[in-house]
N, C-alpha and C. Protein backbone atom coordinates (compact mmCIF):
# COMPACT_ATOMS: atom_id res chain seq x y z
N MET A 1 22.86 -123.13 141.25
CA MET A 1 23.38 -121.89 141.80
C MET A 1 23.67 -120.92 140.60
N ASP A 2 24.00 -121.35 139.50
CA ASP A 2 24.17 -120.47 138.37
C ASP A 2 23.00 -119.62 138.12
N ALA A 3 21.77 -120.16 138.29
CA ALA A 3 20.63 -119.43 138.02
C ALA A 3 20.43 -118.26 139.07
N VAL A 4 20.84 -118.57 140.26
CA VAL A 4 20.76 -117.55 141.34
C VAL A 4 21.79 -116.41 141.14
N VAL A 5 23.00 -116.78 140.69
CA VAL A 5 23.99 -115.82 140.36
C VAL A 5 23.50 -114.98 139.23
N ALA A 6 22.89 -115.56 138.18
CA ALA A 6 22.36 -114.74 137.11
C ALA A 6 21.26 -113.86 137.55
N LEU A 7 20.35 -114.32 138.41
CA LEU A 7 19.30 -113.55 138.98
C LEU A 7 19.87 -112.34 139.74
N HIS A 8 20.88 -112.58 140.65
CA HIS A 8 21.46 -111.49 141.39
C HIS A 8 22.23 -110.54 140.49
N GLY A 9 23.01 -111.06 139.60
CA GLY A 9 23.92 -110.14 138.80
C GLY A 9 23.23 -109.47 137.66
N TYR A 10 22.32 -110.11 136.99
CA TYR A 10 21.81 -109.49 135.74
C TYR A 10 20.28 -109.12 135.91
N VAL A 11 19.45 -109.98 136.36
CA VAL A 11 18.03 -109.64 136.45
C VAL A 11 17.77 -108.61 137.51
N LEU A 12 18.10 -108.92 138.73
CA LEU A 12 17.91 -107.90 139.83
C LEU A 12 18.96 -106.78 139.75
N GLY A 13 20.11 -107.09 139.33
CA GLY A 13 21.17 -106.07 139.30
C GLY A 13 20.77 -104.94 138.36
N PHE A 14 20.29 -105.26 137.19
CA PHE A 14 19.92 -104.26 136.21
C PHE A 14 18.63 -103.61 136.63
N LEU A 15 17.68 -104.40 137.25
CA LEU A 15 16.47 -103.80 137.77
C LEU A 15 16.74 -102.74 138.88
N VAL A 16 17.67 -103.05 139.80
CA VAL A 16 17.95 -102.09 140.86
C VAL A 16 18.58 -100.81 140.23
N ILE A 17 19.45 -100.90 139.40
CA ILE A 17 20.13 -99.78 138.73
C ILE A 17 19.06 -99.06 137.97
N GLY A 18 18.24 -99.68 137.23
CA GLY A 18 17.26 -99.02 136.40
C GLY A 18 16.15 -98.19 137.28
N VAL A 19 15.70 -98.84 138.37
CA VAL A 19 14.62 -98.23 139.08
C VAL A 19 15.24 -96.96 139.79
N TRP A 20 16.44 -96.90 140.22
CA TRP A 20 17.06 -95.66 140.74
C TRP A 20 17.26 -94.61 139.70
N ALA A 21 17.54 -95.04 138.44
CA ALA A 21 17.55 -94.01 137.36
C ALA A 21 16.17 -93.47 137.19
N VAL A 22 15.13 -94.19 137.24
CA VAL A 22 13.78 -93.76 137.00
C VAL A 22 13.41 -92.84 138.11
N VAL A 23 13.73 -93.26 139.36
CA VAL A 23 13.52 -92.34 140.55
C VAL A 23 14.16 -90.97 140.32
N MET A 24 15.38 -91.03 139.87
CA MET A 24 16.19 -89.71 139.68
C MET A 24 15.42 -88.77 138.65
N PHE A 25 15.12 -89.40 137.54
CA PHE A 25 14.53 -88.50 136.50
C PHE A 25 13.15 -88.10 136.81
N TRP A 26 12.27 -89.09 137.39
CA TRP A 26 10.96 -88.79 137.70
C TRP A 26 10.81 -87.74 138.78
N SER A 27 11.61 -87.88 139.84
CA SER A 27 11.55 -86.93 140.92
C SER A 27 12.09 -85.64 140.54
N GLY A 28 13.15 -85.63 139.60
CA GLY A 28 13.59 -84.33 139.10
C GLY A 28 12.48 -83.60 138.39
N ALA A 29 11.78 -84.35 137.54
CA ALA A 29 10.66 -83.67 136.76
C ALA A 29 9.60 -83.20 137.70
N LEU A 30 9.23 -84.02 138.70
CA LEU A 30 8.28 -83.51 139.69
C LEU A 30 8.71 -82.30 140.50
N ALA A 31 9.98 -82.24 140.78
CA ALA A 31 10.54 -81.07 141.50
C ALA A 31 10.45 -79.94 140.67
N LEU A 32 10.81 -80.02 139.40
CA LEU A 32 10.71 -78.88 138.40
C LEU A 32 9.35 -78.38 138.12
N THR A 33 8.40 -79.37 138.10
CA THR A 33 6.97 -78.97 137.80
C THR A 33 6.20 -78.61 139.09
N ARG A 34 6.80 -78.93 140.27
CA ARG A 34 6.25 -78.52 141.53
C ARG A 34 4.88 -79.31 141.83
N TYR A 35 4.81 -80.46 141.42
CA TYR A 35 3.64 -81.30 141.79
C TYR A 35 3.75 -81.64 143.28
N ASP A 36 2.55 -81.64 143.88
CA ASP A 36 2.42 -81.97 145.31
C ASP A 36 1.95 -83.37 145.58
N GLU A 37 0.81 -83.76 144.98
CA GLU A 37 0.23 -85.09 145.26
C GLU A 37 0.78 -86.07 144.20
N THR A 38 1.65 -86.84 144.66
CA THR A 38 2.24 -87.88 143.73
C THR A 38 2.22 -89.28 144.26
N PRO A 39 1.12 -89.84 144.54
CA PRO A 39 1.10 -91.17 145.29
C PRO A 39 1.69 -92.29 144.35
N MET A 40 1.54 -92.19 143.05
CA MET A 40 2.16 -93.24 142.16
C MET A 40 3.68 -93.14 142.23
N PHE A 41 4.21 -91.97 142.36
CA PHE A 41 5.72 -91.81 142.38
C PHE A 41 6.20 -92.46 143.77
N TRP A 42 5.53 -92.19 144.85
CA TRP A 42 5.93 -92.75 146.13
C TRP A 42 5.89 -94.29 146.11
N ARG A 43 4.83 -94.81 145.46
CA ARG A 43 4.75 -96.22 145.33
C ARG A 43 5.95 -96.78 144.53
N PHE A 44 6.40 -96.07 143.56
CA PHE A 44 7.55 -96.50 142.78
C PHE A 44 8.80 -96.38 143.57
N VAL A 45 8.95 -95.41 144.47
CA VAL A 45 10.08 -95.30 145.37
C VAL A 45 10.05 -96.47 146.32
N SER A 46 8.85 -96.87 146.79
CA SER A 46 8.73 -98.09 147.62
C SER A 46 9.19 -99.29 146.81
N LEU A 47 8.87 -99.43 145.55
CA LEU A 47 9.32 -100.50 144.75
C LEU A 47 10.80 -100.54 144.64
N ALA A 48 11.47 -99.39 144.44
CA ALA A 48 12.87 -99.27 144.32
C ALA A 48 13.57 -99.70 145.64
N GLN A 49 12.91 -99.43 146.83
CA GLN A 49 13.43 -99.83 148.11
C GLN A 49 13.35 -101.23 148.22
N VAL A 50 12.20 -101.87 147.87
CA VAL A 50 11.96 -103.32 148.03
C VAL A 50 12.99 -103.99 147.07
N SER A 51 13.18 -103.56 145.84
CA SER A 51 14.11 -104.22 145.02
C SER A 51 15.46 -104.21 145.57
N LEU A 52 15.97 -103.12 146.22
CA LEU A 52 17.21 -103.09 146.86
C LEU A 52 17.30 -104.21 147.99
N VAL A 53 16.18 -104.27 148.83
CA VAL A 53 16.20 -105.33 149.89
C VAL A 53 16.23 -106.77 149.28
N LEU A 54 15.48 -106.96 148.23
CA LEU A 54 15.42 -108.28 147.55
C LEU A 54 16.79 -108.64 147.04
N GLN A 55 17.47 -107.67 146.50
CA GLN A 55 18.79 -107.92 145.93
C GLN A 55 19.70 -108.23 147.08
N LEU A 56 19.60 -107.61 148.24
CA LEU A 56 20.41 -107.91 149.45
C LEU A 56 20.15 -109.29 149.90
N VAL A 57 18.82 -109.72 149.90
CA VAL A 57 18.54 -111.05 150.39
C VAL A 57 19.11 -112.14 149.47
N VAL A 58 19.04 -111.92 148.20
CA VAL A 58 19.62 -112.87 147.19
C VAL A 58 21.12 -112.91 147.35
N GLY A 59 21.74 -111.74 147.52
CA GLY A 59 23.14 -111.69 147.71
C GLY A 59 23.64 -112.41 148.95
N LEU A 60 22.86 -112.31 150.00
CA LEU A 60 23.12 -113.00 151.34
C LEU A 60 23.04 -114.46 151.08
N VAL A 61 22.04 -114.99 150.39
CA VAL A 61 21.91 -116.37 150.05
C VAL A 61 23.13 -116.83 149.26
N LEU A 62 23.57 -116.12 148.35
CA LEU A 62 24.79 -116.50 147.52
C LEU A 62 25.94 -116.48 148.46
N MET A 63 26.12 -115.54 149.35
CA MET A 63 27.24 -115.47 150.13
C MET A 63 27.36 -116.63 151.12
N GLY A 64 26.12 -117.11 151.61
CA GLY A 64 26.00 -118.24 152.42
C GLY A 64 26.48 -119.51 151.74
N TRP A 65 26.01 -119.64 150.46
CA TRP A 65 26.41 -120.79 149.70
C TRP A 65 27.84 -120.90 149.48
N TRP A 66 28.43 -119.65 149.18
CA TRP A 66 29.96 -119.63 148.89
C TRP A 66 30.72 -119.96 150.19
N LEU A 67 30.21 -119.40 151.28
CA LEU A 67 30.90 -119.69 152.64
C LEU A 67 30.83 -121.15 152.98
N LEU A 68 29.66 -121.78 152.73
CA LEU A 68 29.48 -123.26 152.99
C LEU A 68 30.24 -124.07 152.01
N GLY A 69 30.52 -123.52 150.81
CA GLY A 69 31.17 -124.30 149.79
C GLY A 69 32.73 -124.10 149.98
N ASP A 70 33.32 -123.57 149.00
CA ASP A 70 34.82 -123.35 149.05
C ASP A 70 35.24 -122.08 149.75
N GLY A 71 34.28 -121.27 150.21
CA GLY A 71 34.69 -120.10 150.97
C GLY A 71 35.15 -118.88 150.11
N GLN A 72 34.98 -118.98 148.74
CA GLN A 72 35.43 -117.92 147.93
C GLN A 72 34.26 -117.54 146.98
N PRO A 73 33.89 -116.32 146.85
CA PRO A 73 32.92 -115.99 145.73
C PRO A 73 33.44 -116.02 144.37
N PRO A 74 32.68 -116.17 143.38
CA PRO A 74 33.21 -116.16 141.99
C PRO A 74 34.05 -114.91 141.75
N GLY A 75 35.18 -115.12 141.12
CA GLY A 75 36.06 -113.98 140.72
C GLY A 75 37.05 -113.74 141.84
N ALA A 76 37.04 -114.47 142.88
CA ALA A 76 37.98 -114.25 144.08
C ALA A 76 39.37 -114.45 143.65
N ASN A 77 39.57 -115.38 142.65
CA ASN A 77 40.99 -115.58 142.22
C ASN A 77 41.39 -114.65 141.00
N SER A 78 40.57 -113.70 140.62
CA SER A 78 40.86 -112.90 139.47
C SER A 78 41.59 -111.65 139.90
N GLY A 79 42.04 -111.51 141.10
CA GLY A 79 42.92 -110.30 141.52
C GLY A 79 42.19 -109.51 142.63
N GLY A 80 40.87 -109.48 142.59
CA GLY A 80 40.26 -108.55 143.63
C GLY A 80 39.98 -109.24 144.85
N GLY A 81 39.50 -110.49 144.82
CA GLY A 81 39.30 -111.31 146.01
C GLY A 81 38.30 -110.55 146.99
N TRP A 82 38.52 -110.75 148.30
CA TRP A 82 37.68 -110.27 149.30
C TRP A 82 37.61 -108.73 149.23
N PHE A 83 38.65 -108.08 148.78
CA PHE A 83 38.62 -106.55 148.64
C PHE A 83 37.48 -106.11 147.74
N ASN A 84 37.38 -106.69 146.59
CA ASN A 84 36.32 -106.44 145.64
C ASN A 84 34.95 -106.78 146.25
N GLY A 85 34.88 -107.97 146.99
CA GLY A 85 33.67 -108.39 147.61
C GLY A 85 33.19 -107.37 148.60
N THR A 86 34.03 -106.78 149.33
CA THR A 86 33.70 -105.83 150.33
C THR A 86 33.23 -104.57 149.71
N PHE A 87 33.83 -104.13 148.69
CA PHE A 87 33.40 -102.96 147.97
C PHE A 87 32.01 -103.17 147.28
N HIS A 88 31.79 -104.40 146.74
CA HIS A 88 30.62 -104.78 146.12
C HIS A 88 29.47 -104.59 147.21
N LEU A 89 29.72 -105.16 148.38
CA LEU A 89 28.67 -105.05 149.41
C LEU A 89 28.46 -103.60 149.90
N LEU A 90 29.48 -102.87 149.94
CA LEU A 90 29.35 -101.37 150.36
C LEU A 90 28.61 -100.56 149.38
N TYR A 91 28.97 -100.69 148.12
CA TYR A 91 28.39 -99.97 147.02
C TYR A 91 26.95 -100.42 146.74
N GLY A 92 26.74 -101.71 146.94
CA GLY A 92 25.43 -102.26 146.56
C GLY A 92 24.32 -102.12 147.58
N VAL A 93 24.67 -102.10 148.89
CA VAL A 93 23.68 -102.17 149.92
C VAL A 93 23.92 -101.09 150.99
N VAL A 94 25.14 -101.14 151.67
CA VAL A 94 25.30 -100.26 152.77
C VAL A 94 25.18 -98.77 152.45
N PHE A 95 25.94 -98.34 151.46
CA PHE A 95 25.87 -96.93 151.09
C PHE A 95 24.44 -96.57 150.57
N PRO A 96 23.82 -97.35 149.68
CA PRO A 96 22.47 -96.96 149.23
C PRO A 96 21.43 -96.87 150.48
N LEU A 97 21.58 -97.78 151.39
CA LEU A 97 20.68 -97.70 152.52
C LEU A 97 20.92 -96.53 153.36
N LEU A 98 22.18 -96.12 153.56
CA LEU A 98 22.50 -94.86 154.22
C LEU A 98 21.98 -93.64 153.51
N VAL A 99 22.05 -93.63 152.21
CA VAL A 99 21.55 -92.54 151.39
C VAL A 99 20.07 -92.46 151.51
N LEU A 100 19.39 -93.61 151.55
CA LEU A 100 17.91 -93.67 151.72
C LEU A 100 17.50 -93.07 153.11
N LEU A 101 18.24 -93.45 154.14
CA LEU A 101 17.90 -93.00 155.48
C LEU A 101 18.08 -91.49 155.48
N ALA A 102 19.22 -91.00 154.91
CA ALA A 102 19.47 -89.57 154.92
C ALA A 102 18.34 -88.88 154.15
N GLY A 103 18.02 -89.46 153.01
CA GLY A 103 16.96 -88.85 152.11
C GLY A 103 15.56 -88.69 152.82
N HIS A 104 15.29 -89.78 153.46
CA HIS A 104 14.01 -89.74 154.16
C HIS A 104 14.03 -88.71 155.30
N GLY A 105 15.15 -88.59 155.98
CA GLY A 105 15.30 -87.59 157.04
C GLY A 105 15.23 -86.20 156.52
N PHE A 106 15.93 -85.89 155.42
CA PHE A 106 15.85 -84.55 154.80
C PHE A 106 14.44 -84.21 154.36
N SER A 107 13.87 -85.24 153.78
CA SER A 107 12.52 -85.06 153.19
C SER A 107 11.49 -84.74 154.38
N ARG A 108 11.57 -85.43 155.46
CA ARG A 108 10.64 -85.25 156.60
C ARG A 108 10.90 -83.78 157.25
N ARG A 109 12.05 -83.41 157.24
CA ARG A 109 12.28 -82.16 157.93
C ARG A 109 11.69 -80.95 157.16
N GLY A 110 11.45 -81.14 155.94
CA GLY A 110 10.79 -80.11 155.05
C GLY A 110 11.53 -78.90 154.66
N ARG A 111 12.82 -78.96 154.92
CA ARG A 111 13.67 -77.80 154.42
C ARG A 111 13.84 -77.77 152.91
N TYR A 112 13.89 -79.00 152.39
CA TYR A 112 13.96 -79.16 151.00
C TYR A 112 12.73 -79.92 150.47
N GLY A 113 12.33 -79.70 149.25
CA GLY A 113 11.16 -80.46 148.77
C GLY A 113 11.52 -81.92 148.60
N PRO A 114 10.56 -82.78 148.93
CA PRO A 114 10.82 -84.17 148.88
C PRO A 114 11.19 -84.67 147.55
N HIS A 115 10.65 -84.10 146.48
CA HIS A 115 11.01 -84.55 145.13
C HIS A 115 12.38 -84.22 144.78
N ALA A 116 12.84 -82.95 145.22
CA ALA A 116 14.22 -82.54 145.04
C ALA A 116 15.21 -83.54 145.78
N VAL A 117 14.86 -83.85 147.02
CA VAL A 117 15.66 -84.70 147.77
C VAL A 117 15.81 -86.06 147.13
N PHE A 118 14.60 -86.64 146.64
CA PHE A 118 14.72 -87.94 146.06
C PHE A 118 15.35 -87.98 144.63
N ALA A 119 15.38 -86.80 144.00
CA ALA A 119 16.12 -86.67 142.73
C ALA A 119 17.62 -87.03 143.03
N VAL A 120 18.08 -86.41 144.13
CA VAL A 120 19.53 -86.59 144.55
C VAL A 120 19.75 -88.02 145.07
N VAL A 121 18.78 -88.51 145.86
CA VAL A 121 18.83 -89.91 146.38
C VAL A 121 18.92 -90.85 145.16
N GLY A 122 18.01 -90.60 144.13
CA GLY A 122 18.00 -91.53 142.94
C GLY A 122 19.34 -91.43 142.18
N LEU A 123 19.90 -90.24 142.05
CA LEU A 123 21.22 -90.02 141.37
C LEU A 123 22.28 -90.77 142.15
N VAL A 124 22.42 -90.60 143.43
CA VAL A 124 23.46 -91.26 144.16
C VAL A 124 23.29 -92.74 144.17
N ASN A 125 22.06 -93.21 144.38
CA ASN A 125 21.80 -94.62 144.47
C ASN A 125 22.06 -95.37 143.11
N PHE A 126 21.64 -94.58 142.06
CA PHE A 126 21.97 -95.08 140.69
C PHE A 126 23.46 -95.37 140.40
N GLY A 127 24.25 -94.30 140.89
CA GLY A 127 25.73 -94.42 140.72
C GLY A 127 26.29 -95.47 141.56
N LEU A 128 25.77 -95.68 142.80
CA LEU A 128 26.36 -96.56 143.70
C LEU A 128 25.98 -97.91 143.30
N THR A 129 24.80 -98.27 142.84
CA THR A 129 24.46 -99.58 142.42
C THR A 129 24.99 -99.93 141.08
N ALA A 130 25.27 -98.97 140.25
CA ALA A 130 25.99 -99.26 139.08
C ALA A 130 27.41 -99.65 139.29
N ARG A 131 28.01 -98.94 140.24
CA ARG A 131 29.43 -99.22 140.64
C ARG A 131 29.46 -100.62 141.26
N ALA A 132 28.44 -100.96 142.04
CA ALA A 132 28.38 -102.33 142.73
C ALA A 132 28.36 -103.40 141.66
N TRP A 133 27.52 -103.15 140.63
CA TRP A 133 27.36 -104.10 139.50
C TRP A 133 28.77 -104.25 138.82
N MET A 134 29.46 -103.15 138.52
CA MET A 134 30.76 -103.17 137.86
C MET A 134 31.75 -103.92 138.66
N VAL A 135 31.84 -103.73 139.98
CA VAL A 135 32.77 -104.47 140.83
C VAL A 135 32.34 -105.93 140.88
N GLY A 136 31.09 -106.24 141.09
CA GLY A 136 30.69 -107.64 141.12
C GLY A 136 30.82 -108.36 139.85
N ALA A 137 30.67 -107.72 138.76
CA ALA A 137 30.84 -108.33 137.42
C ALA A 137 32.29 -108.48 137.01
N GLY A 138 33.19 -107.77 137.82
CA GLY A 138 34.63 -107.83 137.42
C GLY A 138 34.99 -106.92 136.33
N THR A 139 34.15 -105.86 136.01
CA THR A 139 34.51 -104.99 134.91
C THR A 139 35.00 -103.64 135.42
N GLY A 140 34.96 -103.39 136.74
CA GLY A 140 35.33 -102.13 137.18
C GLY A 140 36.15 -102.17 138.41
N GLY A 141 36.73 -103.34 138.73
CA GLY A 141 37.50 -103.52 139.97
C GLY A 141 38.78 -102.80 139.87
């Protein structure tokens, strides 16, 4: 289980944070240069979305193991307990998915350029996933 915790916390955790930072900067550059055809960028956005879902799946597996075991996630006795676990879940998955849904909606309506929209989506999801990592790692609770 320690390997899965490390995968969730460090490998996938840093990957998810990093891909949203790349989305933010790349889409910001595309918005400023007014590129229209950017299939490679949209593939990367898909990768960012898939990494978020993969992180969710690994997190749910860990949650299941903890619930079947002693019923407490690591760090539950360090002061934050279920309160930090709830915020970890909200910052790491719920809010980023809501931001993605809103971003896709704004992008489809055409009022704002899709690259500008995803620059904001990347910024917000970068901040949310970084905060989720901080809460989950016990460094920002």
